[in-house]
Amino acid sequence: MDSGKAIMEIGNVAHALDWQAAHAEKNGAPLTGRVVRAFNALLAGDTQVARRMRDWPGLSLEDAMPLRLAGGFHYLHLTGADARLVPVYSGALVDQGAVDAVIVAVAQTHDAALLPWFDGPPQTNEAGRSAGIMAGLLWLSGRVGPRFDLNEIGASAGANTMIDRYGYDLGGVRVGAMDSPVQIRPEWRGAPPPRADVRIERIAGCDLSPIDLTDPPAALRLKSYVWAEVSERMDRLDAVVALARQQRPDLTRADAADWVEQRLAAPQAEGVCRVLYHSIVWQYIPPAGRARISAAMAAAAARATPERPLAWVRLETNRQTFRHELRVGHWTGRNSGEAFLGTAHAHGAWVEWTGG
């Protein structure tokens, strides 16, 4: 099924499950693909989970409904709640029919525990995405100066609200805290980003339901959304949690549009570029909220000056191609523009840089 057809048919839950399973498989997660495919076997059942899937409103893919439930099953495995999941998540059980039978049986046993996982989007708070954000800041530095006030929406647990505490190797360009336990080294495709000075003066984020990484059950829930076979991501999340325990990220519980309007209205230090940034969250913000954020940014862009510039760094999914695109806008009152800088893997494995 091509991407355009998938978008037209995502109201069909079976198609949404098949698309999500194939997407996981194509991205090196066959185990997760088998689990999601097994959800098709749940659809005909009489569990609360089955009914919730069948009655799912709206755009199943855009809502990431299959990944919500996948997080619930992974959580059951990580907590040892059901030993029947061990061969599924160890990769010992690969026959799809056998996986289907296990998933159906586990759903029947843990119906009530799985149901709340449908209530919110997956919190895939992946620190690897900060590679694209940092590359965007390197690119911006030569246009607006090296000092940044960073503001993240949809920050989840704040993994990308700690990008000032990570070290990076971006196509040979090294930047950040090289002694950090979190080192971001994606496969780099294309020319390297500019070598530039990046000084993060302030960094904060917001989320409707922020996760406290210092709370072990909350951190485990976040880990549940990581695809089980991607051990590098699991290890990186452990290192991010350790950093958060040393110093919590600055997170506010707030609606994204409300928070952006408040941040843009606050005083801005001279010589510091105010940056709105986010990664794979735009699709989860209601249309009215997106419109308010866009309007607030347009108004702030009109007020920008060389002394108080504004920028918008976005790593978001193109809903036509399903590629994750890095786009940067910057406004100084004199030199302004929008640039497409490249694409990136959803979980930070690679960055393909075009550099505008």
Protein backbone atom coordinates (compact mmCIF):
# COMPACT_ATOMS: atom_id res chain seq x y z
CA MET A 1 0.00 0.00 0.00
CA ASP A 2 1.47 3.37 -0.93
CA SER A 3 1.52 6.26 1.56
CA GLY A 4 -1.25 8.21 -0.15
CA LYS A 5 -3.58 5.24 -0.17
CA ALA A 6 -2.73 4.53 3.46
CA ILE A 7 -3.79 8.05 4.42
CA MET A 8 -7.10 7.63 2.60
CA GLU A 9 -7.85 4.34 4.40
CA ILE A 10 -6.59 4.92 7.90
CA GLY A 11 -10.13 4.99 9.24
CA ASN A 12 -10.00 1.21 8.66
CA VAL A 13 -8.38 -0.25 11.78
CA ALA A 14 -7.13 -3.40 10.02
CA HIS A 15 -5.31 -1.31 7.43
CA ALA A 16 -3.85 0.84 10.20
CA LEU A 17 -2.51 -2.24 11.99
CA ASP A 18 -1.01 -3.69 8.80
CA TRP A 19 0.60 -0.36 7.91
CA GLN A 20 2.09 0.11 11.38
CA ALA A 21 3.42 -3.46 11.45
CA ALA A 22 5.06 -3.03 8.05
CA HIS A 23 6.52 0.31 9.14
CA ALA A 24 8.10 -1.34 12.21
CA GLU A 25 9.51 -4.17 10.12
CA LYS A 26 11.00 -1.78 7.55
CA ASN A 27 12.67 0.10 10.41
CA GLY A 28 14.45 -2.89 11.89
CA ALA A 29 11.81 -3.95 14.42
CA PRO A 30 10.35 -7.29 13.22
CA LEU A 31 9.44 -8.34 16.77
CA THR A 32 7.32 -5.23 17.25
CA GLY A 33 5.86 -5.81 13.79
CA ARG A 34 4.71 -9.29 14.82
CA VAL A 35 3.10 -7.95 18.00
CA VAL A 36 1.20 -5.26 16.08
CA ARG A 37 0.11 -7.75 13.38
CA ALA A 38 -1.27 -9.93 16.16
CA PHE A 39 -3.69 -7.15 17.08
CA ASN A 40 -5.66 -8.14 13.98
CA ALA A 41 -6.45 -11.38 15.78
CA LEU A 42 -7.89 -9.35 18.68
CA LEU A 43 -10.39 -7.45 16.55
CA ALA A 44 -13.00 -10.19 16.42
CA GLY A 45 -12.89 -10.82 20.17
CA ASP A 46 -15.22 -9.68 22.92
CA THR A 47 -12.68 -7.96 25.17
CA GLN A 48 -12.81 -4.28 26.06
CA VAL A 49 -9.55 -3.88 24.14
CA ALA A 50 -11.13 -5.37 21.01
CA ARG A 51 -14.18 -3.12 21.26
CA ARG A 52 -12.01 -0.04 21.77
CA MET A 53 -10.00 -0.91 18.67
CA ARG A 54 -13.08 -1.57 16.52
CA ASP A 55 -14.74 1.66 17.64
CA TRP A 56 -11.63 3.83 17.34
CA PRO A 57 -12.68 7.30 16.09
CA GLY A 58 -10.85 9.31 13.48
CA LEU A 59 -7.44 8.74 11.99
CA SER A 60 -5.94 5.56 13.39
CA LEU A 61 -2.45 6.11 11.98
CA GLU A 62 -2.26 9.77 12.91
CA ASP A 63 -3.39 8.88 16.41
CA ALA A 64 -0.79 6.06 16.55
CA MET A 65 -3.42 3.80 18.07
CA PRO A 66 -1.48 0.56 17.33
CA LEU A 67 1.60 1.91 19.11
CA ARG A 68 -0.48 2.89 22.13
CA LEU A 69 -1.50 -0.73 22.60
CA ALA A 70 1.97 -2.01 21.74
CA GLY A 71 3.28 0.06 24.65
CA GLY A 72 0.83 -1.68 26.96
CA PHE A 73 1.97 -5.15 25.94
CA HIS A 74 5.64 -4.21 26.25
CA TYR A 75 4.93 -2.84 29.74
CA LEU A 76 3.36 -6.16 30.76
CA HIS A 77 6.54 -7.86 29.59
CA LEU A 78 8.95 -5.42 31.27
CA THR A 79 7.10 -5.74 34.58
CA GLY A 80 6.99 -9.54 34.36
CA ALA A 81 3.22 -9.49 34.55
CA ASP A 82 2.77 -12.44 32.17
CA ALA A 83 5.43 -15.06 31.41
CA ARG A 84 3.67 -16.01 28.17
CA LEU A 85 5.14 -12.85 26.62
CA VAL A 86 8.76 -13.88 27.28
CA PRO A 87 9.25 -15.95 24.07
CA VAL A 88 7.54 -13.21 22.04
CA TYR A 89 9.84 -10.46 23.31
CA SER A 90 12.97 -12.60 23.37
CA GLY A 91 12.47 -13.33 19.66
CA ALA A 92 12.21 -17.09 20.30
CA LEU A 93 8.65 -17.16 18.98
CA VAL A 94 8.54 -15.98 15.36
CA ASP A 95 5.59 -17.85 13.84
CA GLN A 96 2.86 -15.23 13.38
CA GLY A 97 0.06 -17.63 14.22
CA ALA A 98 1.73 -18.57 17.48
CA VAL A 99 2.34 -14.92 18.34
CA ASP A 100 -1.31 -14.18 17.56
CA ALA A 101 -2.42 -16.87 20.02
CA VAL A 102 -0.22 -15.49 22.81
CA ILE A 103 -1.34 -11.90 22.28
CA VAL A 104 -5.03 -12.88 22.28
CA ALA A 105 -4.63 -14.95 25.45
CA VAL A 106 -2.70 -12.21 27.26
CA ALA A 107 -5.28 -9.60 26.21
CA GLN A 108 -8.06 -11.71 27.69
CA THR A 109 -6.18 -12.00 31.00
CA HIS A 110 -5.08 -8.35 31.21
CA ASP A 111 -8.00 -6.65 29.49
CA ALA A 112 -8.56 -4.02 32.19
CA ALA A 113 -4.83 -3.25 32.54
CA LEU A 114 -4.36 -2.75 28.79
CA LEU A 115 -7.39 -0.51 28.25
CA PRO A 116 -5.90 2.74 29.70
CA TRP A 117 -3.02 2.57 27.21
CA PHE A 118 -5.43 3.80 24.54
CA ASP A 119 -6.02 7.05 26.43
CA GLY A 120 -2.96 8.99 25.25
CA PRO A 121 -0.48 9.03 22.38
CA PRO A 122 2.74 7.05 22.69
CA GLN A 123 5.39 8.94 24.61
CA THR A 124 8.29 8.07 22.32
CA ASN A 125 10.57 10.62 23.92
CA GLU A 126 13.66 9.73 21.92
CA ALA A 127 16.87 11.59 22.72
CA GLY A 128 18.31 10.54 19.36
CA ARG A 129 16.06 13.07 17.66
CA SER A 130 18.14 15.81 19.23
CA ALA A 131 20.75 15.16 16.51
CA GLY A 132 18.53 16.95 14.02
CA ILE A 133 17.70 19.73 16.47
CA MET A 134 21.38 20.34 17.25
CA ALA A 135 22.26 20.29 13.55
CA GLY A 136 19.57 22.92 13.01
CA LEU A 137 21.13 25.08 15.74
CA LEU A 138 24.56 24.77 14.12
CA TRP A 139 23.01 25.97 10.86
CA LEU A 140 21.21 28.79 12.64
CA SER A 141 24.29 29.98 14.51
CA GLY A 142 25.79 31.52 11.38
CA ARG A 143 22.57 33.40 10.67
CA VAL A 144 21.30 34.60 14.05
CA GLY A 145 24.31 34.23 16.33
CA PRO A 146 25.39 31.45 18.72
CA ARG A 147 23.24 32.22 21.79
CA PHE A 148 19.89 30.43 22.11
CA ASP A 149 16.84 30.38 24.38
CA LEU A 150 15.23 27.01 23.58
CA ASN A 151 11.53 26.26 24.08
CA GLU A 152 10.18 22.78 23.34
CA ILE A 153 6.52 21.82 22.97
CA GLY A 154 5.34 18.25 23.36
CA ALA A 155 8.39 17.66 25.54
CA SER A 156 7.00 14.48 27.15
CA ALA A 157 9.63 13.45 29.72
CA GLY A 158 12.08 16.11 28.63
CA ALA A 159 14.67 13.90 26.92
CA ASN A 160 15.07 16.59 24.27
CA THR A 161 14.82 19.36 26.85
CA MET A 162 18.25 18.22 28.00
CA ILE A 163 20.04 18.52 24.67
CA ASP A 164 22.53 20.90 26.27
CA ARG A 165 23.78 17.99 28.38
CA TYR A 166 24.51 15.56 25.53
CA GLY A 167 27.55 15.11 23.33
CA TYR A 168 27.20 14.92 19.54
CA ASP A 169 29.17 13.61 16.59
CA LEU A 170 27.28 14.84 13.54
CA GLY A 171 29.12 13.75 10.45
CA GLY A 172 32.44 14.45 12.15
CA VAL A 173 31.31 17.74 13.68
CA ARG A 174 31.65 17.32 17.44
CA VAL A 175 29.69 19.60 19.72
CA GLY A 176 28.21 19.58 23.20
CA ALA A 177 29.26 17.76 26.37
CA MET A 178 31.75 15.18 25.18
CA ASP A 179 32.02 13.67 28.71
CA SER A 180 28.25 13.10 28.92
CA PRO A 181 26.91 9.55 29.38
CA VAL A 182 24.57 10.35 26.48
CA GLN A 183 26.49 10.52 23.21
CA ILE A 184 24.45 11.05 20.03
CA ARG A 185 26.21 9.62 16.98
CA PRO A 186 23.73 9.02 14.17
CA GLU A 187 24.75 7.61 10.82
CA TRP A 188 25.35 10.82 8.87
CA ARG A 189 24.38 10.99 5.22
CA GLY A 190 25.49 13.88 3.05
CA ALA A 191 27.82 16.75 3.86
CA PRO A 192 28.36 17.55 7.56
CA PRO A 193 26.51 20.46 9.17
CA PRO A 194 28.38 23.74 9.68
CA ARG A 195 31.05 23.90 12.36
CA ALA A 196 29.73 26.65 14.58
CA ASP A 197 29.45 27.84 18.16
CA VAL A 198 26.20 26.92 19.97
CA ARG A 199 25.56 28.37 23.41
CA ILE A 200 22.29 27.35 25.05
CA GLU A 201 21.47 30.10 27.55
CA ARG A 202 18.14 28.63 28.65
CA ILE A 203 16.12 25.53 27.81
CA ALA A 204 12.60 24.59 28.91
CA GLY A 205 9.66 22.58 27.66
CA CYS A 206 5.97 21.90 28.13
CA ASP A 207 3.63 18.95 27.79
CA LEU A 208 -0.01 18.27 28.59
CA SER A 209 1.08 15.23 30.62
CA PRO A 210 4.79 15.49 31.40
CA ILE A 211 6.55 12.36 32.59
CA ASP A 212 8.82 12.51 35.63
CA LEU A 213 11.95 10.56 34.69
CA THR A 214 13.00 10.48 38.35
CA ASP A 215 9.93 8.35 39.16
CA PRO A 216 10.83 4.69 38.40
CA PRO A 217 7.31 3.55 37.37
CA ALA A 218 6.96 6.58 35.08
CA ALA A 219 10.37 5.93 33.53
CA LEU A 220 9.43 2.29 32.97
CA ARG A 221 6.21 3.35 31.26
CA LEU A 222 8.25 5.55 28.93
CA LYS A 223 10.58 2.64 28.23
CA SER A 224 7.56 0.56 27.25
CA TYR A 225 7.10 2.69 24.13
CA VAL A 226 10.62 1.89 22.94
CA TRP A 227 10.65 -0.91 20.38
CA ALA A 228 11.91 -3.90 22.35
CA GLU A 229 14.54 -5.13 19.89
CA VAL A 230 16.33 -1.76 19.62
CA SER A 231 18.74 -2.23 22.52
CA GLU A 232 20.70 0.95 21.73
CA ARG A 233 17.60 3.06 22.37
CA MET A 234 16.85 1.20 25.60
CA ASP A 235 20.42 1.82 26.85
CA ARG A 236 20.29 5.48 25.81
CA LEU A 237 17.04 5.99 27.71
CA ASP A 238 18.66 4.53 30.83
CA ALA A 239 21.47 7.11 30.49
CA VAL A 240 18.92 9.92 29.97
CA VAL A 241 17.10 8.83 33.14
CA ALA A 242 20.38 8.93 35.05
CA LEU A 243 21.01 12.51 33.87
CA ALA A 244 17.47 13.56 34.85
CA ARG A 245 18.05 12.21 38.34
CA GLN A 246 21.07 14.49 38.63
CA GLN A 247 19.06 17.51 37.45
CA ARG A 248 15.46 17.39 36.28
CA PRO A 249 14.62 18.95 32.93
CA ASP A 250 12.65 22.20 33.20
CA LEU A 251 9.13 21.05 32.26
CA THR A 252 5.76 22.76 32.65
CA ARG A 253 2.39 21.03 32.48
CA ALA A 254 0.58 23.17 29.92
CA ASP A 255 -1.30 23.30 26.66
CA ALA A 256 1.20 23.86 23.85
CA ALA A 257 -0.60 26.87 22.35
CA ASP A 258 -1.06 28.56 25.73
CA TRP A 259 2.58 28.02 26.62
CA VAL A 260 3.93 29.25 23.28
CA GLU A 261 1.88 32.43 23.53
CA GLN A 262 3.17 33.02 27.06
CA ARG A 263 6.79 32.35 26.11
CA LEU A 264 6.65 34.64 23.09
CA ALA A 265 5.18 37.41 25.24
CA ALA A 266 7.93 37.17 27.87
CA PRO A 267 10.92 39.56 27.79
CA GLN A 268 13.74 38.43 25.51
CA ALA A 269 17.40 39.05 26.31
CA GLU A 270 19.37 41.07 23.81
CA GLY A 271 21.69 38.99 21.65
CA VAL A 272 19.82 35.74 22.31
CA CYS A 273 17.75 33.99 19.65
CA ARG A 274 14.45 32.66 20.96
CA VAL A 275 13.76 29.22 19.44
CA LEU A 276 10.56 27.19 19.34
CA TYR A 277 11.39 23.57 18.62
CA HIS A 278 9.63 20.21 18.54
CA SER A 279 9.99 16.71 17.13
CA ILE A 280 7.22 14.39 15.92
CA VAL A 281 4.54 16.07 18.01
CA TRP A 282 2.73 18.39 15.57
CA GLN A 283 0.32 15.65 14.48
CA TYR A 284 -0.90 15.25 18.06
CA ILE A 285 -1.78 18.93 18.55
CA PRO A 286 -5.42 19.69 17.64
CA PRO A 287 -5.88 21.83 14.50
CA ALA A 288 -7.03 24.84 16.54
CA GLY A 289 -3.87 24.63 18.64
CA ARG A 290 -1.65 24.39 15.57
CA ALA A 291 -3.35 27.47 14.14
CA ARG A 292 -2.80 29.44 17.37
CA ILE A 293 0.88 28.48 17.51
CA SER A 294 1.41 29.41 13.86
CA ALA A 295 -0.34 32.74 14.37
CA ALA A 296 1.68 33.51 17.50
CA MET A 297 4.93 32.71 15.70
CA ALA A 298 3.94 34.88 12.72
CA ALA A 299 3.24 37.81 15.06
CA ALA A 300 6.52 37.28 16.91
CA ALA A 301 8.41 36.99 13.61
CA ALA A 302 7.07 40.39 12.60
CA ARG A 303 8.53 41.84 15.82
CA ALA A 304 11.93 40.14 15.49
CA THR A 305 15.06 42.28 15.23
CA PRO A 306 18.77 41.55 14.72
CA GLU A 307 19.22 42.04 18.46
CA ARG A 308 16.29 39.75 19.35
CA PRO A 309 15.89 37.15 16.59
CA LEU A 310 13.38 34.31 16.43
CA ALA A 311 13.65 30.79 15.03
CA TRP A 312 11.45 27.71 14.63
CA VAL A 313 13.13 24.28 14.39
CA ARG A 314 10.84 21.39 13.42
CA LEU A 315 11.53 17.71 12.96
CA GLU A 316 8.08 16.54 11.91
CA THR A 317 6.41 13.89 9.80
CA ASN A 318 5.39 14.73 6.26
CA ARG A 319 1.97 13.07 6.22
CA GLN A 320 2.20 12.46 2.47
CA THR A 321 5.60 10.73 2.42
CA PHE A 322 5.87 9.66 6.08
CA ARG A 323 9.43 11.00 6.07
CA HIS A 324 10.57 13.04 9.06
CA GLU A 325 11.70 16.41 7.77
CA LEU A 326 13.97 18.94 9.44
CA ARG A 327 12.80 22.47 8.65
CA VAL A 328 14.06 25.72 10.16
CA GLY A 329 12.62 29.21 9.98
CA HIS A 330 14.47 32.29 11.22
CA TRP A 331 13.54 35.96 11.48
CA THR A 332 15.71 38.95 12.36
CA GLY A 333 13.80 41.83 10.82
CA ARG A 334 16.43 41.96 8.08
CA ASN A 335 17.56 38.47 7.18
CA SER A 336 14.72 35.96 7.34
CA GLY A 337 13.82 32.72 5.66
CA GLU A 338 12.64 29.12 5.79
CA ALA A 339 14.87 26.18 4.92
CA PHE A 340 14.50 22.44 4.44
CA LEU A 341 17.67 20.96 5.93
CA GLY A 342 17.10 17.25 5.47
CA THR A 343 15.37 14.17 6.82
CA ALA A 344 16.00 11.95 9.81
CA HIS A 345 15.14 8.54 11.17
CA ALA A 346 12.26 8.71 13.64
CA HIS A 347 14.40 7.32 16.44
CA GLY A 348 17.67 9.05 15.61
CA ALA A 349 19.50 6.22 13.80
CA TRP A 350 20.48 8.46 10.86
CA VAL A 351 20.29 11.98 9.52
CA GLU A 352 20.31 12.79 5.81
CA TRP A 353 21.55 16.36 5.54
CA THR A 354 20.86 18.66 2.60
CA GLY A 355 21.74 21.86 4.43
CA GLY A 356 19.15 24.10 2.81
